[in-house]
Amino acid sequence: MKPREVVHKFVDLFNNKDIVGLTALYHDDAINHQVANEPVVGKKAIHKMFEHEFAIANMVCIVENIFEDGEWAILEWKDPLGLRGCGFFHVVNGKIKLQRGYWDKLSFLKQHNIPIPTE
């Protein structure tokens, strides 16, 4: 799959909360770095990250734009609550090697009534 196709598949799986399918899109040594958090390294850790995130919040990704350049795809997204963000996906041989996401963590926590960490 081309990077754009991988990101479309990612969004479909994400919106269906298909953790097994999402995890399968990553290389074994992939990195998922949502910059508001520490990087998550490795397929097993990424799987656990999705389990945790889907357990605490009802997340929905609405595609605004997907751009592709070589091995990279860029996703501009929003959610039904008004949060917006973007993600950068480095796709090698049809699988995600590196994902980096930018979004407002404080707004996300408030919108989902998740306690704000004090440290």
PDB file of N, CA and C in Angstrom:
ATOM      1  N   MET A   1       0.846  -1.190   0.000  1.00  0.00           N
ATOM      2  CA  MET A   1       0.000   0.000   0.000  1.00  0.00           C
ATOM      3  C   MET A   1       0.887   1.247   0.000  1.00  0.00           C
ATOM      4  N   LYS A   2       0.420   2.253  -0.693  1.00  0.00           N
ATOM      5  CA  LYS A   2       1.092   3.549  -0.692  1.00  0.00           C
ATOM      6  C   LYS A   2       0.787   4.256   0.632  1.00  0.00           C
ATOM      7  N   PRO A   3       1.610   5.244   1.017  1.00  0.00           N
ATOM      8  CA  PRO A   3       1.381   5.946   2.277  1.00  0.00           C
ATOM      9  C   PRO A   3      -0.047   6.494   2.432  1.00  0.00           C
ATOM     10  N   ARG A   4      -0.592   7.082   1.393  1.00  0.00           N
ATOM     11  CA  ARG A   4      -1.952   7.632   1.467  1.00  0.00           C
ATOM     12  C   ARG A   4      -2.967   6.520   1.772  1.00  0.00           C
ATOM     13  N   GLU A   5      -2.786   5.370   1.142  1.00  0.00           N
ATOM     14  CA  GLU A   5      -3.692   4.236   1.372  1.00  0.00           C
ATOM     15  C   GLU A   5      -3.568   3.710   2.798  1.00  0.00           C
ATOM     16  N   VAL A   6      -2.338   3.677   3.311  1.00  0.00           N
ATOM     17  CA  VAL A   6      -2.117   3.236   4.695  1.00  0.00           C
ATOM     18  C   VAL A   6      -2.844   4.169   5.658  1.00  0.00           C
ATOM     19  N   VAL A   7      -2.759   5.469   5.425  1.00  0.00           N
ATOM     20  CA  VAL A   7      -3.415   6.428   6.322  1.00  0.00           C
ATOM     21  C   VAL A   7      -4.938   6.310   6.227  1.00  0.00           C
ATOM     22  N   HIS A   8      -5.480   6.123   5.037  1.00  0.00           N
ATOM     23  CA  HIS A   8      -6.931   5.897   4.916  1.00  0.00           C
ATOM     24  C   HIS A   8      -7.332   4.655   5.706  1.00  0.00           C
ATOM     25  N   LYS A   9      -6.553   3.586   5.585  1.00  0.00           N
ATOM     26  CA  LYS A   9      -6.826   2.348   6.330  1.00  0.00           C
ATOM     27  C   LYS A   9      -6.713   2.613   7.830  1.00  0.00           C
ATOM     28  N   PHE A  10      -5.687   3.364   8.233  1.00  0.00           N
ATOM     29  CA  PHE A  10      -5.497   3.715   9.639  1.00  0.00           C
ATOM     30  C   PHE A  10      -6.742   4.412  10.188  1.00  0.00           C
ATOM     31  N   VAL A  11      -7.255   5.391   9.466  1.00  0.00           N
ATOM     32  CA  VAL A  11      -8.431   6.143   9.922  1.00  0.00           C
ATOM     33  C   VAL A  11      -9.642   5.217  10.055  1.00  0.00           C
ATOM     34  N   ASP A  12      -9.861   4.353   9.072  1.00  0.00           N
ATOM     35  CA  ASP A  12     -10.989   3.413   9.150  1.00  0.00           C
ATOM     36  C   ASP A  12     -10.877   2.511  10.373  1.00  0.00           C
ATOM     37  N   LEU A  13      -9.695   1.955  10.588  1.00  0.00           N
ATOM     38  CA  LEU A  13      -9.485   1.075  11.741  1.00  0.00           C
ATOM     39  C   LEU A  13      -9.604   1.848  13.051  1.00  0.00           C
ATOM     40  N   PHE A  14      -9.066   3.048  13.090  1.00  0.00           N
ATOM     41  CA  PHE A  14      -9.134   3.896  14.280  1.00  0.00           C
ATOM     42  C   PHE A  14     -10.588   4.183  14.643  1.00  0.00           C
ATOM     43  N   ASN A  15     -11.377   4.570  13.649  1.00  0.00           N
ATOM     44  CA  ASN A  15     -12.781   4.908  13.920  1.00  0.00           C
ATOM     45  C   ASN A  15     -13.612   3.688  14.308  1.00  0.00           C
ATOM     46  N   ASN A  16     -13.138   2.496  13.944  1.00  0.00           N
ATOM     47  CA  ASN A  16     -13.800   1.254  14.356  1.00  0.00           C
ATOM     48  C   ASN A  16     -13.187   0.665  15.618  1.00  0.00           C
ATOM     49  N   LYS A  17     -12.217   1.374  16.176  1.00  0.00           N
ATOM     50  CA  LYS A  17     -11.521   0.956  17.394  1.00  0.00           C
ATOM     51  C   LYS A  17     -10.964  -0.465  17.258  1.00  0.00           C
ATOM     52  N   ASP A  18     -10.455  -0.765  16.072  1.00  0.00           N
ATOM     53  CA  ASP A  18      -9.894  -2.078  15.749  1.00  0.00           C
ATOM     54  C   ASP A  18      -8.406  -2.075  16.099  1.00  0.00           C
ATOM     55  N   ILE A  19      -8.118  -2.398  17.339  1.00  0.00           N
ATOM     56  CA  ILE A  19      -6.752  -2.322  17.844  1.00  0.00           C
ATOM     57  C   ILE A  19      -5.847  -3.334  17.154  1.00  0.00           C
ATOM     58  N   VAL A  20      -6.344  -4.523  16.909  1.00  0.00           N
ATOM     59  CA  VAL A  20      -5.545  -5.551  16.231  1.00  0.00           C
ATOM     60  C   VAL A  20      -5.208  -5.093  14.811  1.00  0.00           C
ATOM     61  N   GLY A  21      -6.205  -4.571  14.101  1.00  0.00           N
ATOM     62  CA  GLY A  21      -5.970  -4.074  12.748  1.00  0.00           C
ATOM     63  C   GLY A  21      -5.010  -2.905  12.728  1.00  0.00           C
ATOM     64  N   LEU A  22      -5.164  -1.979  13.676  1.00  0.00           N
ATOM     65  CA  LEU A  22      -4.254  -0.834  13.765  1.00  0.00           C
ATOM     66  C   LEU A  22      -2.819  -1.302  13.996  1.00  0.00           C
ATOM     67  N   THR A  23      -2.657  -2.192  14.942  1.00  0.00           N
ATOM     68  CA  THR A  23      -1.323  -2.683  15.279  1.00  0.00           C
ATOM     69  C   THR A  23      -0.665  -3.347  14.076  1.00  0.00           C
ATOM     70  N   ALA A  24      -1.444  -4.029  13.278  1.00  0.00           N
ATOM     71  CA  ALA A  24      -0.902  -4.717  12.100  1.00  0.00           C
ATOM     72  C   ALA A  24      -0.345  -3.748  11.061  1.00  0.00           C
ATOM     73  N   LEU A  25      -0.729  -2.486  11.126  1.00  0.00           N
ATOM     74  CA  LEU A  25      -0.227  -1.488  10.167  1.00  0.00           C
ATOM     75  C   LEU A  25       1.197  -1.031  10.469  1.00  0.00           C
ATOM     76  N   TYR A  26       1.739  -1.408  11.633  1.00  0.00           N
ATOM     77  CA  TYR A  26       3.043  -0.924  12.080  1.00  0.00           C
ATOM     78  C   TYR A  26       4.142  -1.969  11.895  1.00  0.00           C
ATOM     79  N   HIS A  27       5.365  -1.493  11.643  1.00  0.00           N
ATOM     80  CA  HIS A  27       6.549  -2.344  11.691  1.00  0.00           C
ATOM     81  C   HIS A  27       6.760  -2.776  13.140  1.00  0.00           C
ATOM     82  N   ASP A  28       7.454  -3.893  13.340  1.00  0.00           N
ATOM     83  CA  ASP A  28       7.708  -4.392  14.698  1.00  0.00           C
ATOM     84  C   ASP A  28       8.432  -3.372  15.566  1.00  0.00           C
ATOM     85  N   ASP A  29       9.330  -2.585  14.967  1.00  0.00           N
ATOM     86  CA  ASP A  29      10.118  -1.615  15.735  1.00  0.00           C
ATOM     87  C   ASP A  29       9.645  -0.173  15.510  1.00  0.00           C
ATOM     88  N   ALA A  30       8.390  -0.026  15.126  1.00  0.00           N
ATOM     89  CA  ALA A  30       7.842   1.306  14.828  1.00  0.00           C
ATOM     90  C   ALA A  30       7.851   2.210  16.053  1.00  0.00           C
ATOM     91  N   ILE A  31       7.767   3.501  15.775  1.00  0.00           N
ATOM     92  CA  ILE A  31       7.659   4.516  16.825  1.00  0.00           C
ATOM     93  C   ILE A  31       6.395   5.327  16.569  1.00  0.00           C
ATOM     94  N   ASN A  32       5.567   5.462  17.595  1.00  0.00           N
ATOM     95  CA  ASN A  32       4.402   6.338  17.552  1.00  0.00           C
ATOM     96  C   ASN A  32       4.667   7.437  18.568  1.00  0.00           C
ATOM     97  N   HIS A  33       4.920   8.637  18.075  1.00  0.00           N
ATOM     98  CA  HIS A  33       5.217   9.750  18.974  1.00  0.00           C
ATOM     99  C   HIS A  33       4.147  10.828  18.831  1.00  0.00           C
ATOM    100  N   GLN A  34       3.179  10.782  19.715  1.00  0.00           N
ATOM    101  CA  GLN A  34       2.232  11.871  19.850  1.00  0.00           C
ATOM    102  C   GLN A  34       2.964  12.883  20.715  1.00  0.00           C
ATOM    103  N   VAL A  35       3.343  14.026  20.140  1.00  0.00           N
ATOM    104  CA  VAL A  35       4.325  14.896  20.787  1.00  0.00           C
ATOM    105  C   VAL A  35       3.890  15.423  22.147  1.00  0.00           C
ATOM    106  N   ALA A  36       2.612  15.327  22.461  1.00  0.00           N
ATOM    107  CA  ALA A  36       2.162  15.715  23.799  1.00  0.00           C
ATOM    108  C   ALA A  36       2.506  14.635  24.829  1.00  0.00           C
ATOM    109  N   ASN A  37       2.976  13.484  24.349  1.00  0.00           N
ATOM    110  CA  ASN A  37       3.324  12.346  25.205  1.00  0.00           C
ATOM    111  C   ASN A  37       4.718  11.849  24.849  1.00  0.00           C
ATOM    112  N   GLU A  38       5.207  10.926  25.650  1.00  0.00           N
ATOM    113  CA  GLU A  38       6.494  10.290  25.347  1.00  0.00           C
ATOM    114  C   GLU A  38       6.321   9.363  24.144  1.00  0.00           C
ATOM    115  N   PRO A  39       7.381   9.155  23.345  1.00  0.00           N
ATOM    116  CA  PRO A  39       7.287   8.224  22.221  1.00  0.00           C
ATOM    117  C   PRO A  39       6.977   6.806  22.703  1.00  0.00           C
ATOM    118  N   VAL A  40       6.194   6.098  21.914  1.00  0.00           N
ATOM    119  CA  VAL A  40       5.871   4.698  22.176  1.00  0.00           C
ATOM    120  C   VAL A  40       6.627   3.890  21.130  1.00  0.00           C
ATOM    121  N   VAL A  41       7.453   2.954  21.598  1.00  0.00           N
ATOM    122  CA  VAL A  41       8.354   2.234  20.702  1.00  0.00           C
ATOM    123  C   VAL A  41       7.994   0.754  20.659  1.00  0.00           C
ATOM    124  N   GLY A  42       7.804   0.246  19.458  1.00  0.00           N
ATOM    125  CA  GLY A  42       7.545  -1.175  19.250  1.00  0.00           C
ATOM    126  C   GLY A  42       6.062  -1.479  19.117  1.00  0.00           C
ATOM    127  N   LYS A  43       5.798  -2.481  18.307  1.00  0.00           N
ATOM    128  CA  LYS A  43       4.426  -2.869  17.981  1.00  0.00           C
ATOM    129  C   LYS A  43       3.614  -3.249  19.229  1.00  0.00           C
ATOM    130  N   LYS A  44       4.225  -3.997  20.152  1.00  0.00           N
ATOM    131  CA  LYS A  44       3.509  -4.412  21.363  1.00  0.00           C
ATOM    132  C   LYS A  44       3.128  -3.205  22.214  1.00  0.00           C
ATOM    133  N   ALA A  45       4.048  -2.270  22.363  1.00  0.00           N
ATOM    134  CA  ALA A  45       3.771  -1.069  23.155  1.00  0.00           C
ATOM    135  C   ALA A  45       2.718  -0.200  22.473  1.00  0.00           C
ATOM    136  N   ILE A  46       2.746  -0.131  21.145  1.00  0.00           N
ATOM    137  CA  ILE A  46       1.739   0.640  20.409  1.00  0.00           C
ATOM    138  C   ILE A  46       0.370   0.001  20.597  1.00  0.00           C
ATOM    139  N   HIS A  47       0.316  -1.322  20.583  1.00  0.00           N
ATOM    140  CA  HIS A  47      -0.946  -2.032  20.831  1.00  0.00           C
ATOM    141  C   HIS A  47      -1.512  -1.645  22.206  1.00  0.00           C
ATOM    142  N   LYS A  48      -0.662  -1.677  23.227  1.00  0.00           N
ATOM    143  CA  LYS A  48      -1.084  -1.315  24.590  1.00  0.00           C
ATOM    144  C   LYS A  48      -1.532   0.144  24.658  1.00  0.00           C
ATOM    145  N   MET A  49      -0.842   1.022  23.920  1.00  0.00           N
ATOM    146  CA  MET A  49      -1.215   2.437  23.889  1.00  0.00           C
ATOM    147  C   MET A  49      -2.641   2.596  23.361  1.00  0.00           C
ATOM    148  N   PHE A  50      -2.948   1.916  22.246  1.00  0.00           N
ATOM    149  CA  PHE A  50      -4.301   2.005  21.691  1.00  0.00           C
ATOM    150  C   PHE A  50      -5.327   1.423  22.659  1.00  0.00           C
ATOM    151  N   GLU A  51      -5.026   0.313  23.301  1.00  0.00           N
ATOM    152  CA  GLU A  51      -5.954  -0.257  24.293  1.00  0.00           C
ATOM    153  C   GLU A  51      -6.280   0.769  25.368  1.00  0.00           C
ATOM    154  N   HIS A  52      -5.244   1.406  25.887  1.00  0.00           N
ATOM    155  CA  HIS A  52      -5.419   2.401  26.949  1.00  0.00           C
ATOM    156  C   HIS A  52      -6.217   3.607  26.447  1.00  0.00           C
ATOM    157  N   GLU A  53      -5.825   4.150  25.316  1.00  0.00           N
ATOM    158  CA  GLU A  53      -6.476   5.363  24.805  1.00  0.00           C
ATOM    159  C   GLU A  53      -7.952   5.132  24.472  1.00  0.00           C
ATOM    160  N   PHE A  54      -8.275   4.000  23.850  1.00  0.00           N
ATOM    161  CA  PHE A  54      -9.669   3.724  23.515  1.00  0.00           C
ATOM    162  C   PHE A  54     -10.494   3.429  24.767  1.00  0.00           C
ATOM    163  N   ALA A  55      -9.843   2.975  25.836  1.00  0.00           N
ATOM    164  CA  ALA A  55     -10.559   2.692  27.084  1.00  0.00           C
ATOM    165  C   ALA A  55     -10.949   3.970  27.828  1.00  0.00           C
ATOM    166  N   ILE A  56     -10.184   5.055  27.634  1.00  0.00           N
ATOM    167  CA  ILE A  56     -10.458   6.268  28.409  1.00  0.00           C
ATOM    168  C   ILE A  56     -11.214   7.343  27.644  1.00  0.00           C
ATOM    169  N   ALA A  57     -11.289   7.225  26.304  1.00  0.00           N
ATOM    170  CA  ALA A  57     -11.937   8.294  25.540  1.00  0.00           C
ATOM    171  C   ALA A  57     -12.587   7.726  24.273  1.00  0.00           C
ATOM    172  N   ASN A  58     -13.701   8.324  23.896  1.00  0.00           N
ATOM    173  CA  ASN A  58     -14.370   7.978  22.644  1.00  0.00           C
ATOM    174  C   ASN A  58     -13.806   8.877  21.551  1.00  0.00           C
ATOM    175  N   MET A  59     -12.821   8.369  20.835  1.00  0.00           N
ATOM    176  CA  MET A  59     -12.111   9.170  19.847  1.00  0.00           C
ATOM    177  C   MET A  59     -12.625   8.869  18.441  1.00  0.00           C
ATOM    178  N   VAL A  60     -12.773   9.922  17.652  1.00  0.00           N
ATOM    179  CA  VAL A  60     -13.209   9.813  16.263  1.00  0.00           C
ATOM    180  C   VAL A  60     -12.320  10.724  15.424  1.00  0.00           C
ATOM    181  N   CYS A  61     -11.874  10.221  14.299  1.00  0.00           N
ATOM    182  CA  CYS A  61     -11.014  10.980  13.397  1.00  0.00           C
ATOM    183  C   CYS A  61     -11.782  11.292  12.120  1.00  0.00           C
ATOM    184  N   ILE A  62     -11.955  12.573  11.845  1.00  0.00           N
ATOM    185  CA  ILE A  62     -12.593  13.023  10.608  1.00  0.00           C
ATOM    186  C   ILE A  62     -11.492  13.612   9.728  1.00  0.00           C
ATOM    187  N   VAL A  63     -11.296  13.018   8.570  1.00  0.00           N
ATOM    188  CA  VAL A  63     -10.234  13.453   7.657  1.00  0.00           C
ATOM    189  C   VAL A  63     -10.587  14.803   7.053  1.00  0.00           C
ATOM    190  N   GLU A  64      -9.651  15.733   7.137  1.00  0.00           N
ATOM    191  CA  GLU A  64      -9.771  16.997   6.414  1.00  0.00           C
ATOM    192  C   GLU A  64      -8.925  16.963   5.148  1.00  0.00           C
ATOM    193  N   ASN A  65      -7.710  16.454   5.266  1.00  0.00           N
ATOM    194  CA  ASN A  65      -6.819  16.323   4.108  1.00  0.00           C
ATOM    195  C   ASN A  65      -5.824  15.198   4.358  1.00  0.00           C
ATOM    196  N   ILE A  66      -5.430  14.549   3.292  1.00  0.00           N
ATOM    197  CA  ILE A  66      -4.303  13.618   3.332  1.00  0.00           C
ATOM    198  C   ILE A  66      -3.392  13.978   2.166  1.00  0.00           C
ATOM    199  N   PHE A  67      -2.140  14.204   2.496  1.00  0.00           N
ATOM    200  CA  PHE A  67      -1.138  14.536   1.499  1.00  0.00           C
ATOM    201  C   PHE A  67      -0.109  13.421   1.466  1.00  0.00           C
ATOM    202  N   GLU A  68       0.491  13.206   0.301  1.00  0.00           N
ATOM    203  CA  GLU A  68       1.502  12.166   0.166  1.00  0.00           C
ATOM    204  C   GLU A  68       2.717  12.723  -0.563  1.00  0.00           C
ATOM    205  N   ASP A  69       3.908  12.364  -0.062  1.00  0.00           N
ATOM    206  CA  ASP A  69       5.153  12.743  -0.718  1.00  0.00           C
ATOM    207  C   ASP A  69       6.158  11.615  -0.484  1.00  0.00           C
ATOM    208  N   GLY A  70       6.408  10.831  -1.503  1.00  0.00           N
ATOM    209  CA  GLY A  70       7.341   9.720  -1.361  1.00  0.00           C
ATOM    210  C   GLY A  70       6.850   8.718  -0.333  1.00  0.00           C
ATOM    211  N   GLU A  71       7.681   8.470   0.691  1.00  0.00           N
ATOM    212  CA  GLU A  71       7.334   7.512   1.752  1.00  0.00           C
ATOM    213  C   GLU A  71       6.524   8.145   2.886  1.00  0.00           C
ATOM    214  N   TRP A  72       6.104   9.389   2.713  1.00  0.00           N
ATOM    215  CA  TRP A  72       5.421  10.112   3.789  1.00  0.00           C
ATOM    216  C   TRP A  72       3.980  10.440   3.417  1.00  0.00           C
ATOM    217  N   ALA A  73       3.118  10.381   4.419  1.00  0.00           N
ATOM    218  CA  ALA A  73       1.750  10.878   4.282  1.00  0.00           C
ATOM    219  C   ALA A  73       1.485  11.795   5.471  1.00  0.00           C
ATOM    220  N   ILE A  74       0.725  12.835   5.219  1.00  0.00           N
ATOM    221  CA  ILE A  74       0.354  13.800   6.254  1.00  0.00           C
ATOM    222  C   ILE A  74      -1.162  13.825   6.336  1.00  0.00           C
ATOM    223  N   LEU A  75      -1.666  13.666   7.550  1.00  0.00           N
ATOM    224  CA  LEU A  75      -3.103  13.657   7.809  1.00  0.00           C
ATOM    225  C   LEU A  75      -3.477  14.905   8.595  1.00  0.00           C
ATOM    226  N   GLU A  76      -4.383  15.714   8.041  1.00  0.00           N
ATOM    227  CA  GLU A  76      -5.002  16.799   8.808  1.00  0.00           C
ATOM    228  C   GLU A  76      -6.365  16.272   9.229  1.00  0.00           C
ATOM    229  N   TRP A  77      -6.681  16.388  10.523  1.00  0.00           N
ATOM    230  CA  TRP A  77      -7.919  15.812  11.027  1.00  0.00           C
ATOM    231  C   TRP A  77      -8.619  16.749  12.010  1.00  0.00           C
ATOM    232  N   LYS A  78      -9.869  16.394  12.266  1.00  0.00           N
ATOM    233  CA  LYS A  78     -10.644  17.041  13.330  1.00  0.00           C
ATOM    234  C   LYS A  78     -11.483  15.953  13.975  1.00  0.00           C
ATOM    235  N   ASP A  79     -12.090  16.297  15.101  1.00  0.00           N
ATOM    236  CA  ASP A  79     -13.024  15.355  15.711  1.00  0.00           C
ATOM    237  C   ASP A  79     -14.354  16.061  15.932  1.00  0.00           C
ATOM    238  N   PRO A  80     -15.394  15.322  16.286  1.00  0.00           N
ATOM    239  CA  PRO A  80     -16.720  15.932  16.438  1.00  0.00           C
ATOM    240  C   PRO A  80     -16.811  16.993  17.530  1.00  0.00           C
ATOM    241  N   LEU A  81     -15.835  17.000  18.456  1.00  0.00           N
ATOM    242  CA  LEU A  81     -15.853  17.965  19.559  1.00  0.00           C
ATOM    243  C   LEU A  81     -15.102  19.253  19.219  1.00  0.00           C
ATOM    244  N   GLY A  82     -14.504  19.302  18.025  1.00  0.00           N
ATOM    245  CA  GLY A  82     -13.822  20.516  17.598  1.00  0.00           C
ATOM    246  C   GLY A  82     -12.312  20.487  17.701  1.00  0.00           C
ATOM    247  N   LEU A  83     -11.748  19.419  18.257  1.00  0.00           N
ATOM    248  CA  LEU A  83     -10.298  19.304  18.335  1.00  0.00           C
ATOM    249  C   LEU A  83      -9.742  19.084  16.929  1.00  0.00           C
ATOM    250  N   ARG A  84      -8.605  19.688  16.653  1.00  0.00           N
ATOM    251  CA  ARG A  84      -7.944  19.522  15.353  1.00  0.00           C
ATOM    252  C   ARG A  84      -6.497  19.122  15.591  1.00  0.00           C
ATOM    253  N   GLY A  85      -5.954  18.432  14.606  1.00  0.00           N
ATOM    254  CA  GLY A  85      -4.555  18.039  14.709  1.00  0.00           C
ATOM    255  C   GLY A  85      -4.032  17.564  13.378  1.00  0.00           C
ATOM    256  N   CYS A  86      -2.790  17.113  13.410  1.00  0.00           N
ATOM    257  CA  CYS A  86      -2.202  16.548  12.197  1.00  0.00           C
ATOM    258  C   CYS A  86      -1.251  15.427  12.591  1.00  0.00           C
ATOM    259  N   GLY A  87      -1.063  14.514  11.658  1.00  0.00           N
ATOM    260  CA  GLY A  87      -0.172  13.394  11.878  1.00  0.00           C
ATOM    261  C   GLY A  87       0.720  13.194  10.675  1.00  0.00           C
ATOM    262  N   PHE A  88       1.950  12.825  10.945  1.00  0.00           N
ATOM    263  CA  PHE A  88       2.926  12.531   9.908  1.00  0.00           C
ATOM    264  C   PHE A  88       3.254  11.049   9.988  1.00  0.00           C
ATOM    265  N   PHE A  89       3.151  10.356   8.875  1.00  0.00           N
ATOM    266  CA  PHE A  89       3.342   8.917   8.821  1.00  0.00           C
ATOM    267  C   PHE A  89       4.468   8.593   7.843  1.00  0.00           C
ATOM    268  N   HIS A  90       5.529   7.979   8.340  1.00  0.00           N
ATOM    269  CA  HIS A  90       6.590   7.481   7.456  1.00  0.00           C
ATOM    270  C   HIS A  90       6.266   6.017   7.185  1.00  0.00           C
ATOM    271  N   VAL A  91       5.951   5.724   5.947  1.00  0.00           N
ATOM    272  CA  VAL A  91       5.496   4.391   5.553  1.00  0.00           C
ATOM    273  C   VAL A  91       6.589   3.736   4.712  1.00  0.00           C
ATOM    274  N   VAL A  92       7.074   2.589   5.192  1.00  0.00           N
ATOM    275  CA  VAL A  92       8.114   1.834   4.506  1.00  0.00           C
ATOM    276  C   VAL A  92       7.568   0.447   4.200  1.00  0.00           C
ATOM    277  N   ASN A  93       7.589   0.065   2.934  1.00  0.00           N
ATOM    278  CA  ASN A  93       7.077  -1.238   2.508  1.00  0.00           C
ATOM    279  C   ASN A  93       5.647  -1.480   2.983  1.00  0.00           C
ATOM    280  N   GLY A  94       4.815  -0.449   2.912  1.00  0.00           N
ATOM    281  CA  GLY A  94       3.400  -0.586   3.219  1.00  0.00           C
ATOM    282  C   GLY A  94       3.036  -0.601   4.688  1.00  0.00           C
ATOM    283  N   LYS A  95       4.015  -0.343   5.574  1.00  0.00           N
ATOM    284  CA  LYS A  95       3.743  -0.320   7.016  1.00  0.00           C
ATOM    285  C   LYS A  95       4.323   0.947   7.642  1.00  0.00           C
ATOM    286  N   ILE A  96       3.713   1.364   8.730  1.00  0.00           N
ATOM    287  CA  ILE A  96       4.136   2.585   9.420  1.00  0.00           C
ATOM    288  C   ILE A  96       5.421   2.313  10.198  1.00  0.00           C
ATOM    289  N   LYS A  97       6.438   3.096   9.893  1.00  0.00           N
ATOM    290  CA  LYS A  97       7.724   3.011  10.593  1.00  0.00           C
ATOM    291  C   LYS A  97       7.795   4.062  11.699  1.00  0.00           C
ATOM    292  N   LEU A  98       7.254   5.248  11.396  1.00  0.00           N
ATOM    293  CA  LEU A  98       7.235   6.359  12.353  1.00  0.00           C
ATOM    294  C   LEU A  98       5.936   7.129  12.169  1.00  0.00           C
ATOM    295  N   GLN A  99       5.292   7.409  13.283  1.00  0.00           N
ATOM    296  CA  GLN A  99       4.111   8.266  13.277  1.00  0.00           C
ATOM    297  C   GLN A  99       4.343   9.362  14.295  1.00  0.00           C
ATOM    298  N   ARG A 100       4.104  10.600  13.884  1.00  0.00           N
ATOM    299  CA  ARG A 100       4.233  11.729  14.798  1.00  0.00           C
ATOM    300  C   ARG A 100       2.951  12.538  14.706  1.00  0.00           C
ATOM    301  N   GLY A 101       2.340  12.814  15.861  1.00  0.00           N
ATOM    302  CA  GLY A 101       1.077  13.541  15.873  1.00  0.00           C
ATOM    303  C   GLY A 101       1.147  14.796  16.721  1.00  0.00           C
ATOM    304  N   TYR A 102       0.433  15.813  16.253  1.00  0.00           N
ATOM    305  CA  TYR A 102       0.379  17.108  16.939  1.00  0.00           C
ATOM    306  C   TYR A 102      -1.080  17.471  17.198  1.00  0.00           C
ATOM    307  N   TRP A 103      -1.416  17.733  18.467  1.00  0.00           N
ATOM    308  CA  TRP A 103      -2.771  18.105  18.874  1.00  0.00           C
ATOM    309  C   TRP A 103      -2.688  18.707  20.265  1.00  0.00           C
ATOM    310  N   ASP A 104      -3.759  19.336  20.678  1.00  0.00           N
ATOM    311  CA  ASP A 104      -3.805  20.046  21.963  1.00  0.00           C
ATOM    312  C   ASP A 104      -4.268  19.091  23.062  1.00  0.00           C
ATOM    313  N   LYS A 105      -3.321  18.594  23.850  1.00  0.00           N
ATOM    314  CA  LYS A 105      -3.630  17.608  24.886  1.00  0.00           C
ATOM    315  C   LYS A 105      -4.556  18.169  25.966  1.00  0.00           C
ATOM    316  N   LEU A 106      -4.352  19.417  26.373  1.00  0.00           N
ATOM    317  CA  LEU A 106      -5.193  20.006  27.413  1.00  0.00           C
ATOM    318  C   LEU A 106      -6.652  20.056  26.966  1.00  0.00           C
ATOM    319  N   SER A 107      -6.896  20.490  25.745  1.00  0.00           N
ATOM    320  CA  SER A 107      -8.271  20.513  25.223  1.00  0.00           C
ATOM    321  C   SER A 107      -8.851  19.106  25.168  1.00  0.00           C
ATOM    322  N   PHE A 108      -8.049  18.132  24.729  1.00  0.00           N
ATOM    323  CA  PHE A 108      -8.501  16.742  24.654  1.00  0.00           C
ATOM    324  C   PHE A 108      -8.924  16.247  26.036  1.00  0.00           C
ATOM    325  N   LEU A 109      -8.089  16.463  27.047  1.00  0.00           N
ATOM    326  CA  LEU A 109      -8.401  16.004  28.398  1.00  0.00           C
ATOM    327  C   LEU A 109      -9.685  16.643  28.916  1.00  0.00           C
ATOM    328  N   LYS A 110      -9.834  17.943  28.707  1.00  0.00           N
ATOM    329  CA  LYS A 110     -11.036  18.652  29.168  1.00  0.00           C
ATOM    330  C   LYS A 110     -12.283  18.151  28.445  1.00  0.00           C
ATOM    331  N   GLN A 111     -12.206  17.970  27.125  1.00  0.00           N
ATOM    332  CA  GLN A 111     -13.361  17.528  26.350  1.00  0.00           C
ATOM    333  C   GLN A 111     -13.841  16.141  26.762  1.00  0.00           C
ATOM    334  N   HIS A 112     -12.922  15.301  27.204  1.00  0.00           N
ATOM    335  CA  HIS A 112     -13.275  13.922  27.562  1.00  0.00           C
ATOM    336  C   HIS A 112     -13.374  13.726  29.070  1.00  0.00           C
ATOM    337  N   ASN A 113     -13.363  14.819  29.812  1.00  0.00           N
ATOM    338  CA  ASN A 113     -13.472  14.771  31.276  1.00  0.00           C
ATOM    339  C   ASN A 113     -12.446  13.837  31.898  1.00  0.00           C
ATOM    340  N   ILE A 114     -11.224  13.915  31.399  1.00  0.00           N
ATOM    341  CA  ILE A 114     -10.116  13.143  31.934  1.00  0.00           C
ATOM    342  C   ILE A 114      -9.323  14.058  32.862  1.00  0.00           C
ATOM    343  N   PRO A 115      -8.992  13.579  34.060  1.00  0.00           N
ATOM    344  CA  PRO A 115      -8.241  14.433  34.985  1.00  0.00           C
ATOM    345  C   PRO A 115      -6.943  14.956  34.376  1.00  0.00           C
ATOM    346  N   ILE A 116      -6.640  16.198  34.656  1.00  0.00           N
ATOM    347  CA  ILE A 116      -5.424  16.825  34.160  1.00  0.00           C
ATOM    348  C   ILE A 116      -4.291  16.472  35.123  1.00  0.00           C
ATOM    349  N   PRO A 117      -3.207  15.880  34.603  1.00  0.00           N
ATOM    350  CA  PRO A 117      -2.086  15.521  35.482  1.00  0.00           C
ATOM    351  C   PRO A 117      -1.510  16.758  36.170  1.00  0.00           C
ATOM    352  N   THR A 118      -1.065  16.577  37.401  1.00  0.00           N
ATOM    353  CA  THR A 118      -0.488  17.693  38.149  1.00  0.00           C
ATOM    354  C   THR A 118       1.017  17.753  37.996  1.00  0.00           C
ATOM    355  N   GLU A 119       1.632  16.699  37.483  1.00  0.00           N
ATOM    356  CA  GLU A 119       3.091  16.679  37.284  1.00  0.00           C
ATOM    357  C   GLU A 119       3.415  16.498  35.840  1.00  0.00           C
TER     358      GLU A 119
END
